[in-house]
Amino acid sequence: MASALGWAFADLDSLSVSADKDTLTPEDFARVRDLLKLRPMQMALFLKALVGTEEMLKMMVEAIKVAKQNG
C-alpha cells in the first residue's frame, strides 16, 4: 500500500499539472477527467477501510482545505 501511494503521488507538482493541462487537446482532457471521476471516492473508501470513517472525514476535509488555499 505505502509503495503504491508513494509512486502515485511521488512527483505531484501543480505547476507540472498546469503545464500538462495546457498541452492537452479537448478530447484528451475529457479522457483524463473521465479517468479521474471515481478517484476521490476510491480514496475516501480506501481511507475509511484503513483508518475508519471519522479519520477519513478529517483527512478528506483537510485535503480539500489545503487544495482550496493553494489553488
Protein backbone atom coordinates (compact mmCIF):
# COMPACT_ATOMS: atom_id res chain seq x y z
CA MET A 1 0.00 0.00 0.00
CA ALA A 2 2.62 2.51 1.05
CA SER A 3 4.72 1.85 -2.02
CA ALA A 4 1.77 2.29 -4.39
CA LEU A 5 0.77 5.55 -2.73
CA GLY A 6 4.34 6.80 -2.83
CA TRP A 7 4.59 6.13 -6.55
CA ALA A 8 1.15 7.54 -7.29
CA PHE A 9 1.93 10.94 -5.80
CA ALA A 10 5.73 10.98 -5.74
CA ASP A 11 6.23 13.91 -8.10
CA LEU A 12 2.93 15.72 -7.71
CA ASP A 13 3.50 19.34 -8.62
CA SER A 14 0.65 21.67 -9.53
CA LEU A 15 2.89 23.61 -11.93
CA SER A 16 3.57 20.45 -13.90
CA VAL A 17 -0.12 19.60 -13.91
CA SER A 18 -0.93 23.07 -15.26
CA ALA A 19 1.72 22.78 -17.94
CA ASP A 20 0.49 19.34 -18.96
CA LYS A 21 -3.11 20.52 -18.99
CA ASP A 22 -2.22 23.34 -21.37
CA THR A 23 -0.92 20.82 -23.91
CA LEU A 24 -3.96 18.52 -23.89
CA THR A 25 -6.48 18.52 -26.68
CA PRO A 26 -10.10 18.86 -25.53
CA GLU A 27 -10.57 15.16 -26.28
CA ASP A 28 -7.55 14.16 -24.20
CA PHE A 29 -8.64 16.42 -21.35
CA ALA A 30 -12.10 14.81 -21.40
CA ARG A 31 -10.45 11.37 -21.30
CA VAL A 32 -8.31 12.37 -18.29
CA ARG A 33 -11.33 13.82 -16.48
CA ASP A 34 -13.21 10.59 -17.12
CA LEU A 35 -10.32 8.54 -15.71
CA LEU A 36 -10.30 10.72 -12.58
CA LYS A 37 -14.04 10.65 -11.99
CA LEU A 38 -14.01 7.85 -9.43
CA ARG A 39 -10.62 8.53 -7.83
CA PRO A 40 -11.82 10.79 -4.96
CA MET A 41 -14.48 8.25 -3.99
CA GLN A 42 -11.95 5.43 -4.20
CA MET A 43 -9.54 7.36 -1.98
CA ALA A 44 -12.30 8.01 0.56
CA LEU A 45 -13.25 4.32 0.60
CA PHE A 46 -9.58 3.35 0.94
CA LEU A 47 -9.13 5.72 3.88
CA LYS A 48 -12.37 4.59 5.51
CA ALA A 49 -11.24 0.96 5.38
CA LEU A 50 -7.78 1.83 6.66
CA VAL A 51 -8.44 4.40 9.39
CA GLY A 52 -12.21 4.45 9.92
CA THR A 53 -14.98 6.84 8.98
CA GLU A 54 -14.19 9.72 11.32
CA GLU A 55 -10.50 9.86 10.49
CA MET A 56 -11.29 9.55 6.77
CA LEU A 57 -13.64 12.53 7.06
CA LYS A 58 -10.98 14.59 8.85
CA MET A 59 -8.36 13.74 6.26
CA MET A 60 -10.60 14.45 3.27
CA VAL A 61 -11.85 17.77 4.69
CA GLU A 62 -8.28 18.83 5.50
CA ALA A 63 -7.16 17.87 1.98
CA ILE A 64 -9.95 19.98 0.47
CA LYS A 65 -9.00 22.95 2.67
CA VAL A 66 -5.35 22.73 1.63
CA ALA A 67 -6.25 22.37 -2.05
CA LYS A 68 -8.53 25.42 -1.89
CA GLN A 69 -5.83 27.53 -0.22
CA ASN A 70 -3.19 26.50 -2.75
CA GLY A 71 -5.39 26.83 -5.82
